[in-house]
Protein backbone atom coordinates (compact mmCIF):
# COMPACT_ATOMS: atom_id res chain seq x y z
CA UNK A 1 12.76 -8.97 14.73
CA UNK A 2 9.17 -9.45 13.54
CA UNK A 3 8.29 -9.30 9.84
CA UNK A 4 5.19 -7.10 9.59
CA UNK A 5 4.75 -6.70 5.84
CA UNK A 6 6.41 -8.00 2.72
CA UNK A 7 5.74 -5.54 -0.07
CA UNK A 8 6.65 -5.63 -3.73
CA UNK A 9 10.05 -4.00 -3.23
CA UNK A 10 10.68 -3.81 0.52
CA UNK A 11 10.19 -5.75 3.72
CA UNK A 12 9.02 -4.05 6.91
CA UNK A 13 10.18 -5.31 10.31
CA UNK A 14 9.28 -4.19 13.84
CA UNK A 15 12.37 -3.27 15.85
CA UNK A 16 10.31 -2.22 18.87
CA UNK A 17 7.07 -0.39 19.64
CA UNK A 18 8.41 2.89 18.22
CA UNK A 19 10.69 1.93 15.31
CA UNK A 20 10.51 0.00 12.05
CA UNK A 21 13.22 -1.36 9.80
CA UNK A 22 12.75 -1.08 6.04
CA UNK A 23 14.78 -3.63 4.07
CA UNK A 24 14.87 -2.63 0.40
CA UNK A 25 15.17 -5.58 -1.95
CA UNK A 26 16.41 -5.74 -5.53
CA UNK A 27 12.87 -6.59 -6.70
CA UNK A 28 11.19 -4.44 -9.30
CA UNK A 29 7.48 -4.18 -10.01
CA UNK A 30 5.31 -2.57 -12.69
CA UNK A 31 1.54 -2.54 -13.19
CA UNK A 32 1.14 -4.11 -9.70
CA UNK A 33 3.22 -7.11 -10.83
CA UNK A 34 6.56 -8.21 -9.39
CA UNK A 35 8.91 -8.91 -12.29
CA UNK A 36 10.73 -12.25 -11.90
CA UNK A 37 14.10 -10.53 -12.30
CA UNK A 38 16.43 -9.01 -9.69
CA UNK A 39 18.09 -5.65 -10.39
CA UNK A 40 21.54 -5.59 -8.73
CA UNK A 41 21.95 -2.56 -6.46
CA UNK A 42 18.36 -1.37 -6.81
CA UNK A 43 17.58 -1.70 -3.10
CA UNK A 44 20.63 0.34 -2.16
CA UNK A 45 19.74 2.97 -4.77
CA UNK A 46 16.20 3.39 -3.41
CA UNK A 47 17.32 3.54 0.20
CA UNK A 48 20.14 6.03 -0.44
CA UNK A 49 17.97 8.28 -2.59
CA UNK A 50 15.07 8.35 -0.12
CA UNK A 51 17.47 9.03 2.77
CA UNK A 52 18.95 11.94 0.81
CA UNK A 53 15.53 13.56 0.45
CA UNK A 54 14.48 12.89 4.04
CA UNK A 55 17.60 14.69 5.26
CA UNK A 56 16.82 17.61 2.92
CA UNK A 57 13.24 18.07 4.09
CA UNK A 58 14.27 17.59 7.72
CA UNK A 59 16.55 20.62 7.37
CA UNK A 60 13.58 22.50 5.90
CA UNK A 61 11.52 21.75 9.01
CA UNK A 62 9.14 19.28 7.34
CA UNK A 63 8.18 16.51 9.77
CA UNK A 64 8.96 12.97 8.65
CA UNK A 65 9.57 9.47 10.01
CA UNK A 66 13.22 9.04 8.96
CA UNK A 67 15.77 8.15 11.63
CA UNK A 68 18.83 6.63 9.91
CA UNK A 69 19.92 4.56 6.91
CA UNK A 70 22.80 2.41 5.73
CA UNK A 71 23.11 0.51 2.46
CA UNK A 72 19.63 -1.00 1.80
CA UNK A 73 18.35 -0.66 5.40
CA UNK A 74 16.40 2.28 6.77
CA UNK A 75 15.16 2.79 10.34
CA UNK A 76 12.04 4.91 10.70
CA UNK A 77 9.52 5.99 13.29
CA UNK A 78 6.62 3.58 13.62
CA UNK A 79 3.00 4.50 12.85
CA UNK A 80 0.00 2.21 13.14
CA UNK A 81 -2.08 1.27 10.09
CA UNK A 82 -5.42 3.05 10.22
CA UNK A 83 -8.70 1.17 10.53
CA UNK A 84 -11.88 3.03 9.57
CA UNK A 85 -13.30 2.73 13.09
CA UNK A 86 -10.25 4.47 14.51
CA UNK A 87 -10.43 7.72 12.58
CA UNK A 88 -10.38 9.81 15.73
CA UNK A 89 -7.03 8.39 16.82
CA UNK A 90 -3.55 9.83 16.27
CA UNK A 91 -0.24 8.26 15.32
CA UNK A 92 -1.49 6.34 12.31
CA UNK A 93 -0.43 5.75 8.73
CA UNK A 94 -2.88 7.30 6.26
CA UNK A 95 -3.85 4.50 3.79
CA UNK A 96 -3.66 6.77 0.75
CA UNK A 97 -1.11 7.87 -1.83
CA UNK A 98 -0.89 11.51 -2.90
CA UNK A 99 0.26 12.15 -6.47
CA UNK A 100 1.31 15.50 -7.89
CA UNK A 101 2.02 15.91 -11.59
CA UNK A 102 3.82 18.73 -13.41
CA UNK A 103 4.02 17.28 -16.95
CA UNK A 104 1.64 15.21 -19.05
CA UNK A 105 2.86 11.62 -18.74
CA UNK A 106 2.03 8.15 -17.47
CA UNK A 107 -1.53 7.24 -16.58
CA UNK A 108 -2.62 10.88 -16.82
CA UNK A 109 -1.76 10.84 -20.53
CA UNK A 110 -3.46 7.43 -20.94
CA UNK A 111 -6.68 8.83 -19.49
CA UNK A 112 -6.53 11.90 -21.69
CA UNK A 113 -5.82 9.86 -24.82
CA UNK A 114 -8.68 7.44 -24.09
CA UNK A 115 -11.18 10.25 -23.54
CA UNK A 116 -11.65 9.53 -19.84
CA UNK A 117 -10.27 12.97 -18.98
CA UNK A 118 -11.06 16.33 -20.59
CA UNK A 119 -7.92 18.33 -21.41
CA UNK A 120 -9.66 21.47 -20.14
CA UNK A 121 -9.68 19.99 -16.63
CA UNK A 122 -5.89 20.10 -16.79
CA UNK A 123 -5.97 23.80 -17.66
CA UNK A 124 -5.18 23.38 -21.36
CA UNK A 125 -6.99 25.31 -24.09
CA UNK A 126 -5.87 22.71 -26.66
CA UNK A 127 -5.34 18.95 -26.86
CA UNK A 128 -1.81 18.61 -25.47
CA UNK A 129 0.91 16.20 -26.55
CA UNK A 130 2.69 13.67 -24.36
CA UNK A 131 5.32 15.43 -22.28
CA UNK A 132 3.82 18.93 -22.30
CA UNK A 133 4.22 20.89 -19.10
CA UNK A 134 0.92 21.25 -17.23
CA UNK A 135 -0.37 24.80 -16.73
CA UNK A 136 -0.43 24.11 -12.98
CA UNK A 137 0.34 21.24 -10.62
CA UNK A 138 -2.24 18.45 -10.90
CA UNK A 139 -3.02 16.82 -7.55
CA UNK A 140 -4.64 13.37 -7.19
CA UNK A 141 -5.27 10.88 -4.41
CA UNK A 142 -5.35 7.09 -4.76
CA UNK A 143 -5.98 4.19 -2.43
CA UNK A 144 -3.29 2.06 -0.81
CA UNK A 145 -3.54 -1.50 0.53
CA UNK A 146 -6.24 -2.41 -2.03
CA UNK A 147 -5.73 -4.99 -4.79
CA UNK A 148 -5.25 -2.17 -7.29
CA UNK A 149 -4.75 1.51 -6.62
CA UNK A 150 -7.77 3.58 -7.62
CA UNK A 151 -8.31 7.31 -7.78
CA UNK A 152 -10.60 8.79 -5.12
CA UNK A 153 -12.27 12.16 -4.53
CA UNK A 154 -11.29 14.41 -1.64
CA UNK A 155 -14.49 13.37 0.11
CA UNK A 156 -13.75 9.64 -0.15
CA UNK A 157 -10.11 10.26 0.76
CA UNK A 158 -11.32 11.97 3.92
CA UNK A 159 -13.53 8.99 4.76
CA UNK A 160 -10.82 6.39 4.06
CA UNK A 161 -8.03 8.33 5.73
CA UNK A 162 -9.92 9.90 8.60
CA UNK A 163 -8.94 13.32 7.32
CA UNK A 164 -10.60 16.71 7.35
CA UNK A 165 -10.55 18.82 4.18
CA UNK A 166 -8.11 21.28 5.77
CA UNK A 167 -5.73 18.37 6.49
CA UNK A 168 -5.79 17.27 2.84
CA UNK A 169 -5.10 20.87 1.86
CA UNK A 170 -2.18 20.93 4.29
CA UNK A 171 -0.81 17.71 2.79
CA UNK A 172 -1.00 19.27 -0.67
CA UNK A 173 0.92 22.32 0.52
CA UNK A 174 3.60 20.12 2.10
CA UNK A 175 3.97 18.25 -1.20
CA UNK A 176 4.38 21.51 -3.12
CA UNK A 177 7.07 22.61 -0.64
CA UNK A 178 8.91 19.30 -1.00
CA UNK A 179 8.71 19.33 -4.78
CA UNK A 180 10.11 22.86 -4.84
CA UNK A 181 13.11 21.55 -2.87
CA UNK A 182 13.43 18.65 -5.32
CA UNK A 183 13.32 20.91 -8.39
CA UNK A 184 15.87 23.29 -6.92
CA UNK A 185 18.25 20.40 -6.28
CA UNK A 186 17.95 18.30 -9.46
CA UNK A 187 17.90 21.17 -11.94
CA UNK A 188 21.55 21.69 -10.97
CA UNK A 189 22.22 18.34 -12.62
CA UNK A 190 20.08 18.80 -15.71
CA UNK A 191 17.04 16.79 -14.54
CA UNK A 192 13.32 17.46 -14.78
CA UNK A 193 11.09 16.27 -11.94
CA UNK A 194 7.99 15.19 -13.85
CA UNK A 195 5.73 13.84 -11.10
CA UNK A 196 5.76 11.76 -7.94
CA UNK A 197 3.78 10.16 -5.17
CA UNK A 198 4.08 10.57 -1.43
CA UNK A 199 2.59 9.03 1.71
CA UNK A 200 1.78 10.52 5.08
CA UNK A 201 0.88 9.76 8.68
CA UNK A 202 -0.75 11.69 11.49
CA UNK A 203 1.37 12.04 14.62
CA UNK A 204 0.67 13.55 18.05
CA UNK A 205 -1.87 16.38 17.95
CA UNK A 206 -2.59 15.30 14.36
CA UNK A 207 0.65 16.73 13.02
CA UNK A 208 1.37 15.55 9.48
CA UNK A 209 4.47 13.42 8.84
CA UNK A 210 5.98 12.35 5.52
CA UNK A 211 6.47 8.56 5.56
CA UNK A 212 7.49 5.60 3.38
CA UNK A 213 9.82 6.85 0.60
CA UNK A 214 9.72 9.48 -2.13
CA UNK A 215 11.91 11.11 -4.75
CA UNK A 216 13.32 7.80 -5.99
CA UNK A 217 13.19 6.15 -9.41
CA UNK A 218 10.27 4.03 -8.22
CA UNK A 219 7.93 6.73 -6.90
CA UNK A 220 8.86 9.63 -9.15
CA UNK A 221 9.40 10.22 -12.84
CA UNK A 222 12.53 11.97 -14.15
CA UNK A 223 13.56 13.25 -17.57
CA UNK A 224 16.82 14.61 -18.96
CA UNK A 225 16.33 18.40 -19.16
CA UNK A 226 18.68 19.13 -22.07
CA UNK A 227 17.23 16.35 -24.24
CA UNK A 228 13.68 17.47 -23.35
CA UNK A 229 14.46 20.99 -24.55
CA UNK A 230 15.66 19.43 -27.82
CA UNK A 231 12.29 17.67 -28.22
CA UNK A 232 13.26 14.22 -26.94
CA UNK A 233 12.01 12.52 -23.77
CA UNK A 234 14.57 10.27 -22.09
CA UNK A 235 13.05 8.17 -19.30
CA UNK A 236 15.26 8.11 -16.19
CA UNK A 237 12.99 6.22 -13.81
CA UNK A 238 11.05 2.97 -13.54
CA UNK A 239 9.04 4.30 -16.47
CA UNK A 240 11.91 2.98 -18.61
CA UNK A 241 10.85 -0.54 -17.55
CA UNK A 242 7.13 0.14 -18.02
CA UNK A 243 7.82 1.29 -21.56
CA UNK A 244 9.63 -1.98 -22.27
CA UNK A 245 6.55 -4.01 -21.29
CA UNK A 246 4.38 -1.74 -23.40
CA UNK A 247 6.65 -2.28 -26.41
CA UNK A 248 6.56 -6.09 -26.17
CA UNK A 249 2.75 -6.05 -25.88
CA UNK A 250 2.48 -7.30 -22.30
CA UNK A 251 0.69 -4.21 -20.97
CA UNK A 252 -2.01 -4.45 -23.63
CA UNK A 253 -2.63 -8.13 -22.77
CA UNK A 254 -2.76 -7.31 -19.05
CA UNK A 255 -5.25 -4.48 -19.55
CA UNK A 256 -7.46 -6.70 -21.69
CA UNK A 257 -7.48 -9.44 -19.02
CA UNK A 258 -8.35 -6.95 -16.29
CA UNK A 259 -11.19 -5.46 -18.32
CA UNK A 260 -12.61 -8.94 -18.98
CA UNK A 261 -12.02 -10.07 -15.37
CA UNK A 262 -10.13 -13.15 -16.52
CA UNK A 263 -6.86 -14.64 -15.33
CA UNK A 264 -4.03 -12.18 -15.83
CA UNK A 265 -1.01 -13.23 -17.90
CA UNK A 266 2.18 -13.70 -15.85
CA UNK A 267 4.71 -10.96 -16.39
CA UNK A 268 7.82 -12.28 -18.18
CA UNK A 269 11.31 -11.68 -16.75
CA UNK A 270 13.54 -8.99 -18.15
CA UNK A 271 16.19 -10.24 -20.58
CA UNK A 272 19.79 -10.03 -19.29
CA UNK A 273 20.64 -6.94 -21.37
CA UNK A 274 17.62 -5.10 -19.91
CA UNK A 275 18.57 -6.13 -16.37
CA UNK A 276 22.01 -4.61 -16.95
CA UNK A 277 20.52 -1.42 -18.42
CA UNK A 278 18.08 -1.00 -15.52
CA UNK A 279 20.79 -1.63 -12.91
CA UNK A 280 22.95 1.02 -14.57
CA UNK A 281 19.98 3.40 -14.69
CA UNK A 282 19.37 3.07 -10.92
CA UNK A 283 23.06 3.63 -10.12
CA UNK A 284 23.65 6.55 -12.47
CA UNK A 285 20.38 8.36 -11.84
CA UNK A 286 20.98 8.12 -8.09
CA UNK A 287 24.08 10.25 -8.68
CA UNK A 288 22.17 12.61 -11.02
CA UNK A 289 19.46 13.14 -8.42
CA UNK A 290 21.67 13.52 -5.35
CA UNK A 291 24.99 14.75 -6.74
CA UNK A 292 26.68 12.01 -4.72
CA UNK A 293 29.02 9.30 -5.99
CA UNK A 294 27.70 5.73 -6.06
CA UNK A 295 30.96 4.29 -4.69
């Protein structure tokens, strides 16, 4: 079994010319940094959650690369990584991430607060607060396989991904269909699906396939619906960990180093009590998302 890629949270192995094995680790990363702490059960949580959603969208007739999963291992259909000179080819992984947001949170709020984004571009007639529901879904595209993800226009996305405008539009429609399935499912268990990112590939005859993983605590943001309606935002995703590093001042130091192009400060490990809290979060929110027991 050949190791093809070792990512921040999973390892990718070639089983044969048509299949890959994803091995989900207990690593956790934020701000493009791998935290030097292991989260017990996190790999199993990610794999189980992603498998749950792949089975759901498969029943809905949405093409995807999922084949089977057990514990922290997932077997998927293999796609090649796209090179710019091969844009005319089929059966390749699109080197982009597609983000759709339904509430004002995360980096979208940071951009709004810093003045880099006009609130009117989000459809608001007023300066919104953190957590407000967006008037309509906000769709963005970022790079993948670069040192840091960066937002790109539809035109640049087409150039990087070898995509026509109509194919990007089709991807957006697929995302909206998937997110409708997600909302319908998790609202039964008092969850709000805030936002999420997804990845795609082009198969035979340039058919679009959903690949990698989605709908987990790593790719998507979740809030408790009842507490939200009472005016409180309870983070039920990896955002809980990001907020910790913001509180202790690490994020501010990291941003300053990146702006000044100097050596970045190493990310400190999570204290034992935080490791326990995060492990519990991944176990319990898996059950909230899927309705399935952890055991």
